[in-house]
Amino acid sequence: RLWLGEGDAPGSLVEMQTNIDNMNPEFYAP
């Protein structure tokens, strides 16, 4: 089966950010 359709528009990416100042640094990698 070949599904045919329209993809997201070229600008449909998002950048997500959060400031963290109270977390054990060992937890960032996982």
All heavy atoms as atom14 arrays in JSON, in Angstrom:
{
  "sequence": "RLWLGEGDAPGSLVEMQTNIDNMNPEFYAP",
  "atom14_mask": [
    [1, 1, 1, 1, 1, 1, 1, 1, 1, 1, 1, 0, 0, 0],
    [1, 1, 1, 1, 1, 1, 1, 1, 0, 0, 0, 0, 0, 0],
    [1, 1, 1, 1, 1, 1, 1, 1, 1, 1, 1, 1, 1, 1],
    [1, 1, 1, 1, 1, 1, 1, 1, 0, 0, 0, 0, 0, 0],
    [1, 1, 1, 1, 0, 0, 0, 0, 0, 0, 0, 0, 0, 0],
    [1, 1, 1, 1, 1, 1, 1, 1, 1, 0, 0, 0, 0, 0],
    [1, 1, 1, 1, 0, 0, 0, 0, 0, 0, 0, 0, 0, 0],
    [1, 1, 1, 1, 1, 1, 1, 1, 0, 0, 0, 0, 0, 0],
    [1, 1, 1, 1, 1, 0, 0, 0, 0, 0, 0, 0, 0, 0],
    [1, 1, 1, 1, 1, 1, 1, 0, 0, 0, 0, 0, 0, 0],
    [1, 1, 1, 1, 0, 0, 0, 0, 0, 0, 0, 0, 0, 0],
    [1, 1, 1, 1, 1, 1, 0, 0, 0, 0, 0, 0, 0, 0],
    [1, 1, 1, 1, 1, 1, 1, 1, 0, 0, 0, 0, 0, 0],
    [1, 1, 1, 1, 1, 1, 1, 0, 0, 0, 0, 0, 0, 0],
    [1, 1, 1, 1, 1, 1, 1, 1, 1, 0, 0, 0, 0, 0],
    [1, 1, 1, 1, 1, 1, 1, 1, 0, 0, 0, 0, 0, 0],
    [1, 1, 1, 1, 1, 1, 1, 1, 1, 0, 0, 0, 0, 0],
    [1, 1, 1, 1, 1, 1, 1, 0, 0, 0, 0, 0, 0, 0],
    [1, 1, 1, 1, 1, 1, 1, 1, 0, 0, 0, 0, 0, 0],
    [1, 1, 1, 1, 1, 1, 1, 1, 0, 0, 0, 0, 0, 0],
    [1, 1, 1, 1, 1, 1, 1, 1, 0, 0, 0, 0, 0, 0],
    [1, 1, 1, 1, 1, 1, 1, 1, 0, 0, 0, 0, 0, 0],
    [1, 1, 1, 1, 1, 1, 1, 1, 0, 0, 0, 0, 0, 0],
    [1, 1, 1, 1, 1, 1, 1, 1, 0, 0, 0, 0, 0, 0],
    [1, 1, 1, 1, 1, 1, 1, 0, 0, 0, 0, 0, 0, 0],
    [1, 1, 1, 1, 1, 1, 1, 1, 1, 0, 0, 0, 0, 0],
    [1, 1, 1, 1, 1, 1, 1, 1, 1, 1, 1, 0, 0, 0],
    [1, 1, 1, 1, 1, 1, 1, 1, 1, 1, 1, 1, 0, 0],
    [1, 1, 1, 1, 1, 0, 0, 0, 0, 0, 0, 0, 0, 0],
    [1, 1, 1, 1, 1, 1, 1, 0, 0, 0, 0, 0, 0, 0]
  ],
  "atom14_positions": [
    [[0.83, -1.2, 0.0], [0.0, 0.0, 0.0], [0.87, 1.25, 0.0], [1.84, 1.35, 0.76], [-0.93, 0.01, 1.21], [-1.92, -1.15, 1.19], [-2.98, -1.01, 2.26], [-2.4, -1.09, 3.61], [-3.12, -1.01, 4.73], [-4.44, -0.84, 4.66], [-2.54, -1.09, 5.91], [0.0, 0.0, 0.0], [0.0, 0.0, 0.0], [0.0, 0.0, 0.0]],
    [[0.52, 2.18, -0.86], [1.21, 3.46, -0.94], [0.25, 4.54, -0.48], [-0.73, 4.85, -1.15], [1.67, 3.73, -2.38], [2.36, 5.07, -2.65], [3.65, 5.19, -1.84], [2.64, 5.23, -4.15], [0.0, 0.0, 0.0], [0.0, 0.0, 0.0], [0.0, 0.0, 0.0], [0.0, 0.0, 0.0], [0.0, 0.0, 0.0], [0.0, 0.0, 0.0]],
    [[0.53, 5.09, 0.71], [-0.3, 6.17, 1.23], [0.19, 7.48, 0.59], [1.37, 7.8, 0.64], [-0.17, 6.29, 2.74], [-0.45, 5.05, 3.53], [-0.76, 3.81, 3.04], [-0.43, 4.93, 4.96], [-0.92, 2.92, 4.07], [-0.73, 3.57, 5.26], [-0.18, 5.82, 6.0], [-0.79, 3.12, 6.57], [-0.24, 5.36, 7.3], [-0.55, 4.03, 7.58]],
    [[-0.72, 8.22, 0.04], [-0.38, 9.48, -0.63], [-1.06, 10.63, 0.1], [-2.24, 10.57, 0.44], [-0.84, 9.45, -2.09], [-0.19, 8.36, -2.95], [-0.93, 8.19, -4.26], [1.28, 8.68, -3.19], [0.0, 0.0, 0.0], [0.0, 0.0, 0.0], [0.0, 0.0, 0.0], [0.0, 0.0, 0.0], [0.0, 0.0, 0.0], [0.0, 0.0, 0.0]],
    [[-0.31, 11.68, 0.35], [-0.88, 12.8, 1.08], [0.0, 14.02, 1.06], [1.04, 14.06, 0.39], [0.0, 0.0, 0.0], [0.0, 0.0, 0.0], [0.0, 0.0, 0.0], [0.0, 0.0, 0.0], [0.0, 0.0, 0.0], [0.0, 0.0, 0.0], [0.0, 0.0, 0.0], [0.0, 0.0, 0.0], [0.0, 0.0, 0.0], [0.0, 0.0, 0.0]],
    [[-0.4, 15.0, 1.82], [0.33, 16.26, 1.93], [1.03, 16.3, 3.28], [0.44, 15.99, 4.31], [-0.62, 17.46, 1.8], [-1.37, 17.5, 0.47], [-0.45, 17.67, -0.73], [0.66, 18.21, -0.54], [-0.83, 17.27, -1.84], [0.0, 0.0, 0.0], [0.0, 0.0, 0.0], [0.0, 0.0, 0.0], [0.0, 0.0, 0.0], [0.0, 0.0, 0.0]],
    [[2.3, 16.69, 3.25], [3.06, 16.81, 4.48], [2.83, 18.14, 5.14], [2.1, 19.0, 4.64], [0.0, 0.0, 0.0], [0.0, 0.0, 0.0], [0.0, 0.0, 0.0], [0.0, 0.0, 0.0], [0.0, 0.0, 0.0], [0.0, 0.0, 0.0], [0.0, 0.0, 0.0], [0.0, 0.0, 0.0], [0.0, 0.0, 0.0], [0.0, 0.0, 0.0]],
    [[3.43, 18.31, 6.3], [3.35, 19.59, 6.98], [3.99, 20.67, 6.14], [4.88, 20.42, 5.34], [4.07, 19.53, 8.33], [3.27, 18.73, 9.36], [2.05, 18.58, 9.16], [3.87, 18.28, 10.34], [0.0, 0.0, 0.0], [0.0, 0.0, 0.0], [0.0, 0.0, 0.0], [0.0, 0.0, 0.0], [0.0, 0.0, 0.0], [0.0, 0.0, 0.0]],
    [[3.54, 21.91, 6.32], [4.14, 23.04, 5.62], [5.59, 23.19, 6.05], [5.99, 22.74, 7.12], [3.37, 24.32, 5.95], [0.0, 0.0, 0.0], [0.0, 0.0, 0.0], [0.0, 0.0, 0.0], [0.0, 0.0, 0.0], [0.0, 0.0, 0.0], [0.0, 0.0, 0.0], [0.0, 0.0, 0.0], [0.0, 0.0, 0.0], [0.0, 0.0, 0.0]],
    [[6.43, 23.84, 5.19], [7.85, 23.97, 5.51], [8.12, 24.59, 6.87], [9.13, 24.31, 7.49], [8.37, 24.87, 4.38], [7.43, 24.63, 3.25], [6.1, 24.42, 3.88], [0.0, 0.0, 0.0], [0.0, 0.0, 0.0], [0.0, 0.0, 0.0], [0.0, 0.0, 0.0], [0.0, 0.0, 0.0], [0.0, 0.0, 0.0], [0.0, 0.0, 0.0]],
    [[7.22, 25.45, 7.38], [7.48, 26.11, 8.65], [6.93, 25.37, 9.85], [6.9, 25.92, 10.95], [0.0, 0.0, 0.0], [0.0, 0.0, 0.0], [0.0, 0.0, 0.0], [0.0, 0.0, 0.0], [0.0, 0.0, 0.0], [0.0, 0.0, 0.0], [0.0, 0.0, 0.0], [0.0, 0.0, 0.0], [0.0, 0.0, 0.0], [0.0, 0.0, 0.0]],
    [[6.48, 24.13, 9.7], [5.79, 23.44, 10.78], [6.76, 22.71, 11.71], [6.58, 21.54, 12.01], [4.76, 22.46, 10.22], [5.39, 21.56, 9.34], [0.0, 0.0, 0.0], [0.0, 0.0, 0.0], [0.0, 0.0, 0.0], [0.0, 0.0, 0.0], [0.0, 0.0, 0.0], [0.0, 0.0, 0.0], [0.0, 0.0, 0.0], [0.0, 0.0, 0.0]],
    [[7.78, 23.39, 12.13], [8.67, 22.91, 13.18], [8.49, 23.81, 14.39], [8.1, 24.97, 14.26], [10.13, 22.95, 12.74], [10.53, 22.11, 11.53], [12.01, 22.31, 11.22], [10.25, 20.64, 11.77], [0.0, 0.0, 0.0], [0.0, 0.0, 0.0], [0.0, 0.0, 0.0], [0.0, 0.0, 0.0], [0.0, 0.0, 0.0], [0.0, 0.0, 0.0]],
    [[8.76, 23.27, 15.57], [8.69, 24.07, 16.78], [9.97, 23.9, 17.58], [10.6, 22.84, 17.53], [7.47, 23.71, 17.65], [6.17, 24.04, 16.94], [7.5, 22.24, 18.05], [0.0, 0.0, 0.0], [0.0, 0.0, 0.0], [0.0, 0.0, 0.0], [0.0, 0.0, 0.0], [0.0, 0.0, 0.0], [0.0, 0.0, 0.0], [0.0, 0.0, 0.0]],
    [[10.34, 24.95, 18.28], [11.44, 24.89, 19.23], [10.85, 25.04, 20.62], [10.13, 26.0, 20.91], [12.46, 25.99, 18.96], [13.7, 25.88, 19.83], [14.75, 26.93, 19.48], [14.92, 27.2, 18.28], [15.38, 27.47, 20.42], [0.0, 0.0, 0.0], [0.0, 0.0, 0.0], [0.0, 0.0, 0.0], [0.0, 0.0, 0.0], [0.0, 0.0, 0.0]],
    [[11.14, 24.08, 21.48], [10.61, 24.06, 22.84], [11.74, 24.32, 23.82], [12.84, 23.76, 23.66], [9.94, 22.71, 23.12], [8.95, 22.28, 22.03], [8.24, 20.64, 22.26], [7.17, 20.95, 23.67], [0.0, 0.0, 0.0], [0.0, 0.0, 0.0], [0.0, 0.0, 0.0], [0.0, 0.0, 0.0], [0.0, 0.0, 0.0], [0.0, 0.0, 0.0]],
    [[11.5, 25.15, 24.82], [12.54, 25.51, 25.77], [11.98, 25.55, 27.18], [10.82, 25.9, 27.4], [13.13, 26.89, 25.44], [13.92, 26.93, 24.15], [14.57, 28.29, 23.93], [14.08, 29.31, 24.43], [15.67, 28.32, 23.21], [0.0, 0.0, 0.0], [0.0, 0.0, 0.0], [0.0, 0.0, 0.0], [0.0, 0.0, 0.0], [0.0, 0.0, 0.0]],
    [[12.83, 25.21, 28.12], [12.48, 25.35, 29.53], [13.74, 25.65, 30.33], [14.81, 25.1, 30.05], [11.78, 24.1, 30.07], [11.4, 24.31, 31.42], [12.66, 22.87, 29.97], [0.0, 0.0, 0.0], [0.0, 0.0, 0.0], [0.0, 0.0, 0.0], [0.0, 0.0, 0.0], [0.0, 0.0, 0.0], [0.0, 0.0, 0.0], [0.0, 0.0, 0.0]],
    [[13.64, 26.56, 31.31], [14.74, 26.91, 32.2], [14.68, 26.02, 33.45], [13.62, 25.93, 34.09], [14.65, 28.37, 32.63], [14.84, 29.32, 31.46], [14.89, 28.9, 30.31], [14.93, 30.6, 31.75], [0.0, 0.0, 0.0], [0.0, 0.0, 0.0], [0.0, 0.0, 0.0], [0.0, 0.0, 0.0], [0.0, 0.0, 0.0], [0.0, 0.0, 0.0]],
    [[15.78, 25.39, 33.78], [15.81, 24.48, 34.92], [16.99, 24.86, 35.84], [18.14, 24.91, 35.39], [15.96, 23.01, 34.46], [14.82, 22.64, 33.5], [15.97, 22.07, 35.65], [14.97, 21.27, 32.88], [0.0, 0.0, 0.0], [0.0, 0.0, 0.0], [0.0, 0.0, 0.0], [0.0, 0.0, 0.0], [0.0, 0.0, 0.0], [0.0, 0.0, 0.0]],
    [[16.68, 25.11, 37.13], [17.75, 25.48, 38.06], [17.76, 24.64, 39.33], [18.48, 24.93, 40.28], [17.65, 26.97, 38.43], [16.38, 27.3, 39.21], [15.56, 26.38, 39.42], [16.21, 28.47, 39.58], [0.0, 0.0, 0.0], [0.0, 0.0, 0.0], [0.0, 0.0, 0.0], [0.0, 0.0, 0.0], [0.0, 0.0, 0.0], [0.0, 0.0, 0.0]],
    [[16.96, 23.55, 39.33], [16.85, 22.77, 40.58], [16.83, 21.27, 40.32], [16.17, 20.52, 41.03], [15.59, 23.19, 41.34], [14.32, 22.96, 40.54], [14.38, 22.72, 39.34], [13.17, 23.04, 41.19], [0.0, 0.0, 0.0], [0.0, 0.0, 0.0], [0.0, 0.0, 0.0], [0.0, 0.0, 0.0], [0.0, 0.0, 0.0], [0.0, 0.0, 0.0]],
    [[17.55, 20.82, 39.28], [17.55, 19.39, 38.95], [18.97, 18.83, 39.02], [19.93, 19.5, 38.61], [16.96, 19.17, 37.55], [16.66, 17.71, 37.25], [15.72, 17.48, 35.71], [17.01, 17.51, 34.48], [0.0, 0.0, 0.0], [0.0, 0.0, 0.0], [0.0, 0.0, 0.0], [0.0, 0.0, 0.0], [0.0, 0.0, 0.0], [0.0, 0.0, 0.0]],
    [[19.1, 17.63, 39.51], [20.38, 16.93, 39.57], [20.97, 16.85, 38.15], [20.31, 16.33, 37.24], [20.17, 15.53, 40.13], [21.47, 14.78, 40.34], [22.47, 15.03, 39.67], [21.46, 13.84, 41.27], [0.0, 0.0, 0.0], [0.0, 0.0, 0.0], [0.0, 0.0, 0.0], [0.0, 0.0, 0.0], [0.0, 0.0, 0.0], [0.0, 0.0, 0.0]],
    [[22.18, 17.35, 37.92], [22.77, 17.31, 36.57], [22.87, 15.92, 35.98], [22.9, 15.76, 34.76], [24.15, 17.92, 36.79], [24.02, 18.75, 38.03], [23.04, 18.03, 38.9], [0.0, 0.0, 0.0], [0.0, 0.0, 0.0], [0.0, 0.0, 0.0], [0.0, 0.0, 0.0], [0.0, 0.0, 0.0], [0.0, 0.0, 0.0], [0.0, 0.0, 0.0]],
    [[22.91, 14.88, 36.84], [23.0, 13.51, 36.32], [21.74, 13.1, 35.55], [21.76, 12.14, 34.79], [23.22, 12.54, 37.49], [24.55, 12.71, 38.19], [24.68, 11.81, 39.4], [23.66, 11.54, 40.06], [25.81, 11.38, 39.69], [0.0, 0.0, 0.0], [0.0, 0.0, 0.0], [0.0, 0.0, 0.0], [0.0, 0.0, 0.0], [0.0, 0.0, 0.0]],
    [[20.63, 13.85, 35.75], [19.37, 13.46, 35.11], [19.22, 14.0, 33.69], [18.32, 13.58, 32.97], [18.18, 13.95, 35.95], [18.12, 13.37, 37.34], [17.38, 14.0, 38.34], [18.82, 12.21, 37.67], [17.32, 13.47, 39.62], [18.77, 11.68, 38.94], [18.02, 12.31, 39.92], [0.0, 0.0, 0.0], [0.0, 0.0, 0.0], [0.0, 0.0, 0.0]],
    [[20.09, 14.92, 33.29], [19.92, 15.52, 31.96], [20.15, 14.51, 30.84], [19.4, 14.48, 29.85], [20.86, 16.71, 31.78], [20.41, 17.95, 32.52], [21.07, 18.39, 33.65], [19.3, 18.67, 32.07], [20.64, 19.52, 34.34], [18.86, 19.8, 32.76], [19.53, 20.21, 33.9], [19.11, 21.33, 34.58], [0.0, 0.0, 0.0], [0.0, 0.0, 0.0]],
    [[21.17, 13.69, 30.96], [21.48, 12.74, 29.88], [20.32, 11.78, 29.59], [19.94, 11.61, 28.42], [22.76, 11.96, 30.2], [0.0, 0.0, 0.0], [0.0, 0.0, 0.0], [0.0, 0.0, 0.0], [0.0, 0.0, 0.0], [0.0, 0.0, 0.0], [0.0, 0.0, 0.0], [0.0, 0.0, 0.0], [0.0, 0.0, 0.0], [0.0, 0.0, 0.0]],
    [[19.72, 11.14, 30.61], [18.59, 10.26, 30.29], [17.38, 10.99, 29.71], [16.66, 10.45, 28.88], [18.25, 9.6, 31.64], [18.93, 10.41, 32.68], [20.11, 11.03, 32.03], [0.0, 0.0, 0.0], [0.0, 0.0, 0.0], [0.0, 0.0, 0.0], [0.0, 0.0, 0.0], [0.0, 0.0, 0.0], [0.0, 0.0, 0.0], [0.0, 0.0, 0.0]]
  ]
}
